[in-house]
Amino acid sequence: METINKEKDYSLYKKLFSFKTYSERHILNNIAKVNNQLRIHYVDELYELYKNFYRALYNKGNIRNKAINDMLVNISMLDMNVDSIYEFKYIDDKRYKSVVSLLLDIKNITYGWKNKINSEKEKQ
C-alpha cells in the first residue's frame, strides 16, 4: 500500500510556498509589460505545479504517478521560463541563482517522492 510521507510532503509544500513567495516578490515584479507573456507563462506553470502537487497528494496509484510526472514537467518549464527571464536581464545573478536553487530543491524532493512510490509499488 502506498503511504504518504507527511514530513517529506510538508517539506515539499514549504519549498513550493517559498518558491511562490520568492517569485512573486523578486521575479514577477521585474518583468516589463512588453514581455507580459513571460509573466503569464510563469504564473500558469507555477499554479499548475501547485495543482499537480495537490492531485498527487490526495490520489493514489496511476493518478498519483501521473501528477508527479506532471510536476516534473512543470518544474522543467519553470526552469526554462526563469532562463528566459534571466536572458532578458529582468533578474540579476543573485536572484537567478536563488530561484534556480529553490527549483532544484523542489525537483529533488519530487524525484525522491516518485522513487519512494515506485519502490513501494515494486515490493507489492
C-alpha atoms as a PDB file:
ATOM      1  CA  MET A   1       0.000   0.000   0.000  1.00  0.00           C
ATOM      2  CA  GLU A   2       1.292   3.432  -0.908  1.00  0.00           C
ATOM      3  CA  THR A   3       1.848   5.708   2.037  1.00  0.00           C
ATOM      4  CA  ILE A   4       2.191   9.454   2.165  1.00  0.00           C
ATOM      5  CA  ASN A   5       5.317  10.644   3.916  1.00  0.00           C
ATOM      6  CA  LYS A   6       3.918  13.596   5.869  1.00  0.00           C
ATOM      7  CA  GLU A   7       7.331  15.053   6.645  1.00  0.00           C
ATOM      8  CA  LYS A   8       8.519  14.902   3.019  1.00  0.00           C
ATOM      9  CA  ASP A   9       5.203  16.229   1.708  1.00  0.00           C
ATOM     10  CA  TYR A  10       5.325  19.068   4.205  1.00  0.00           C
ATOM     11  CA  SER A  11       8.893  19.945   3.221  1.00  0.00           C
ATOM     12  CA  LEU A  12       7.843  19.916  -0.433  1.00  0.00           C
ATOM     13  CA  TYR A  13       4.895  22.171   0.423  1.00  0.00           C
ATOM     14  CA  LYS A  14       7.210  24.557   2.300  1.00  0.00           C
ATOM     15  CA  LYS A  15       9.589  24.686  -0.663  1.00  0.00           C
ATOM     16  CA  LEU A  16       6.716  25.291  -3.084  1.00  0.00           C
ATOM     17  CA  PHE A  17       5.377  28.070  -0.891  1.00  0.00           C
ATOM     18  CA  SER A  18       8.776  29.743  -0.528  1.00  0.00           C
ATOM     19  CA  PHE A  19       9.327  29.442  -4.299  1.00  0.00           C
ATOM     20  CA  LYS A  20       5.945  31.052  -4.975  1.00  0.00           C
ATOM     21  CA  THR A  21       6.608  33.855  -2.490  1.00  0.00           C
ATOM     22  CA  TYR A  22      10.105  34.481  -3.839  1.00  0.00           C
ATOM     23  CA  SER A  23       8.793  34.500  -7.402  1.00  0.00           C
ATOM     24  CA  GLU A  24       6.062  36.990  -6.588  1.00  0.00           C
ATOM     25  CA  ARG A  25       8.415  39.328  -4.748  1.00  0.00           C
ATOM     26  CA  HIS A  26      11.558  39.188  -6.860  1.00  0.00           C
ATOM     27  CA  ILE A  27      10.817  37.725 -10.281  1.00  0.00           C
ATOM     28  CA  LEU A  28       7.344  38.651 -11.495  1.00  0.00           C
ATOM     29  CA  ASN A  29       7.519  42.292 -10.433  1.00  0.00           C
ATOM     30  CA  ASN A  30      10.635  42.865 -12.530  1.00  0.00           C
ATOM     31  CA  ILE A  31       9.221  41.718 -15.863  1.00  0.00           C
ATOM     32  CA  ALA A  32       8.410  44.598 -18.192  1.00  0.00           C
ATOM     33  CA  LYS A  33       4.919  44.903 -19.646  1.00  0.00           C
ATOM     34  CA  VAL A  34       6.369  44.401 -23.121  1.00  0.00           C
ATOM     35  CA  ASN A  35       7.192  40.798 -22.184  1.00  0.00           C
ATOM     36  CA  ASN A  36       4.000  40.119 -20.296  1.00  0.00           C
ATOM     37  CA  GLN A  37       3.775  36.693 -21.974  1.00  0.00           C
ATOM     38  CA  LEU A  38       6.771  35.599 -19.866  1.00  0.00           C
ATOM     39  CA  ARG A  39       4.898  36.547 -16.705  1.00  0.00           C
ATOM     40  CA  ILE A  40       1.731  34.800 -17.871  1.00  0.00           C
ATOM     41  CA  HIS A  41       3.520  31.548 -18.747  1.00  0.00           C
ATOM     42  CA  TYR A  42       5.484  31.644 -15.496  1.00  0.00           C
ATOM     43  CA  VAL A  43       2.370  32.112 -13.359  1.00  0.00           C
ATOM     44  CA  ASP A  44       0.477  29.436 -15.306  1.00  0.00           C
ATOM     45  CA  GLU A  45       3.219  26.869 -14.728  1.00  0.00           C
ATOM     46  CA  LEU A  46       3.535  27.860 -11.078  1.00  0.00           C
ATOM     47  CA  TYR A  47      -0.146  27.262 -10.398  1.00  0.00           C
ATOM     48  CA  GLU A  48      -0.137  24.060 -12.455  1.00  0.00           C
ATOM     49  CA  LEU A  49       2.718  22.877 -10.223  1.00  0.00           C
ATOM     50  CA  TYR A  50       0.595  23.543  -7.134  1.00  0.00           C
ATOM     51  CA  LYS A  51      -2.405  21.841  -8.726  1.00  0.00           C
ATOM     52  CA  ASN A  52      -0.393  18.739  -9.580  1.00  0.00           C
ATOM     53  CA  PHE A  53       1.105  18.666  -6.079  1.00  0.00           C
ATOM     54  CA  TYR A  54      -2.343  18.503  -4.528  1.00  0.00           C
ATOM     55  CA  ARG A  55      -3.513  15.998  -7.133  1.00  0.00           C
ATOM     56  CA  ALA A  56      -0.566  13.745  -6.237  1.00  0.00           C
ATOM     57  CA  LEU A  57      -1.105  14.253  -2.529  1.00  0.00           C
ATOM     58  CA  TYR A  58      -4.768  13.286  -2.488  1.00  0.00           C
ATOM     59  CA  ASN A  59      -4.781  10.452  -5.039  1.00  0.00           C
ATOM     60  CA  LYS A  60      -3.208   7.016  -5.276  1.00  0.00           C
ATOM     61  CA  GLY A  61      -1.832   4.707  -7.918  1.00  0.00           C
ATOM     62  CA  ASN A  62      -1.510   5.773 -11.523  1.00  0.00           C
ATOM     63  CA  ILE A  63      -3.197   9.125 -10.920  1.00  0.00           C
ATOM     64  CA  ARG A  64      -0.546   9.989  -8.329  1.00  0.00           C
ATOM     65  CA  ASN A  65       2.261   8.867 -10.641  1.00  0.00           C
ATOM     66  CA  LYS A  66       0.895  10.967 -13.484  1.00  0.00           C
ATOM     67  CA  ALA A  67       0.543  14.008 -11.229  1.00  0.00           C
ATOM     68  CA  ILE A  68       4.134  13.625 -10.010  1.00  0.00           C
ATOM     69  CA  ASN A  69       5.349  13.308 -13.604  1.00  0.00           C
ATOM     70  CA  ASP A  70       3.345  16.424 -14.467  1.00  0.00           C
ATOM     71  CA  MET A  71       5.010  18.204 -11.535  1.00  0.00           C
ATOM     72  CA  LEU A  72       8.402  17.374 -13.007  1.00  0.00           C
ATOM     73  CA  VAL A  73       7.293  18.775 -16.364  1.00  0.00           C
ATOM     74  CA  ASN A  74       6.067  21.960 -14.638  1.00  0.00           C
ATOM     75  CA  ILE A  75       9.414  22.308 -12.882  1.00  0.00           C
ATOM     76  CA  SER A  76      11.268  21.962 -16.190  1.00  0.00           C
ATOM     77  CA  MET A  77       9.029  24.568 -17.813  1.00  0.00           C
ATOM     78  CA  LEU A  78       9.539  26.947 -14.889  1.00  0.00           C
ATOM     79  CA  ASP A  79      13.286  26.452 -15.232  1.00  0.00           C
ATOM     80  CA  MET A  80      13.053  27.308 -18.907  1.00  0.00           C
ATOM     81  CA  ASN A  81      10.980  30.404 -18.089  1.00  0.00           C
ATOM     82  CA  VAL A  82      13.499  31.517 -15.474  1.00  0.00           C
ATOM     83  CA  ASP A  83      16.269  31.157 -18.052  1.00  0.00           C
ATOM     84  CA  SER A  84      14.314  33.357 -20.476  1.00  0.00           C
ATOM     85  CA  ILE A  85      13.663  35.959 -17.793  1.00  0.00           C
ATOM     86  CA  TYR A  86      17.364  35.949 -16.926  1.00  0.00           C
ATOM     87  CA  GLU A  87      18.363  36.299 -20.597  1.00  0.00           C
ATOM     88  CA  PHE A  88      16.156  39.384 -20.879  1.00  0.00           C
ATOM     89  CA  LYS A  89      18.047  40.777 -17.850  1.00  0.00           C
ATOM     90  CA  TYR A  90      14.959  41.130 -15.660  1.00  0.00           C
ATOM     91  CA  ILE A  91      16.759  39.444 -12.760  1.00  0.00           C
ATOM     92  CA  ASP A  92      20.368  39.634 -11.639  1.00  0.00           C
ATOM     93  CA  ASP A  93      22.778  36.755 -10.985  1.00  0.00           C
ATOM     94  CA  LYS A  94      21.996  36.540  -7.271  1.00  0.00           C
ATOM     95  CA  ARG A  95      18.236  36.179  -7.775  1.00  0.00           C
ATOM     96  CA  TYR A  96      18.754  33.799 -10.680  1.00  0.00           C
ATOM     97  CA  LYS A  97      20.889  31.504  -8.523  1.00  0.00           C
ATOM     98  CA  SER A  98      18.376  31.690  -5.669  1.00  0.00           C
ATOM     99  CA  VAL A  99      15.361  30.819  -7.793  1.00  0.00           C
ATOM    100  CA  VAL A 100      17.216  28.013  -9.578  1.00  0.00           C
ATOM    101  CA  SER A 101      18.341  26.643  -6.222  1.00  0.00           C
ATOM    102  CA  LEU A 102      14.743  26.589  -4.968  1.00  0.00           C
ATOM    103  CA  LEU A 103      13.609  24.855  -8.160  1.00  0.00           C
ATOM    104  CA  LEU A 104      16.394  22.291  -7.811  1.00  0.00           C
ATOM    105  CA  ASP A 105      15.334  21.530  -4.228  1.00  0.00           C
ATOM    106  CA  ILE A 106      11.714  21.092  -5.342  1.00  0.00           C
ATOM    107  CA  LYS A 107      12.819  18.846  -8.206  1.00  0.00           C
ATOM    108  CA  ASN A 108      14.978  16.665  -5.939  1.00  0.00           C
ATOM    109  CA  ILE A 109      12.219  16.238  -3.352  1.00  0.00           C
ATOM    110  CA  THR A 110       9.737  15.394  -6.115  1.00  0.00           C
ATOM    111  CA  TYR A 111      12.092  12.795  -7.615  1.00  0.00           C
ATOM    112  CA  GLY A 112      12.562  11.331  -4.131  1.00  0.00           C
ATOM    113  CA  TRP A 113       8.794  11.083  -3.721  1.00  0.00           C
ATOM    114  CA  LYS A 114       8.464   9.412  -7.117  1.00  0.00           C
ATOM    115  CA  ASN A 115      11.241   6.915  -6.363  1.00  0.00           C
ATOM    116  CA  LYS A 116       9.703   6.076  -2.987  1.00  0.00           C
ATOM    117  CA  ILE A 117       6.325   5.371  -4.569  1.00  0.00           C
ATOM    118  CA  ASN A 118       7.927   3.245  -7.292  1.00  0.00           C
ATOM    119  CA  SER A 119       9.919   1.226  -4.749  1.00  0.00           C
ATOM    120  CA  GLU A 120       6.760   0.626  -2.698  1.00  0.00           C
ATOM    121  CA  LYS A 121       4.970  -0.498  -5.842  1.00  0.00           C
ATOM    122  CA  GLU A 122       7.760  -2.998  -6.629  1.00  0.00           C
ATOM    123  CA  LYS A 123       7.516  -4.521  -3.137  1.00  0.00           C
ATOM    124  CA  GLN A 124       3.893  -5.454  -3.686  1.00  0.00           C
END
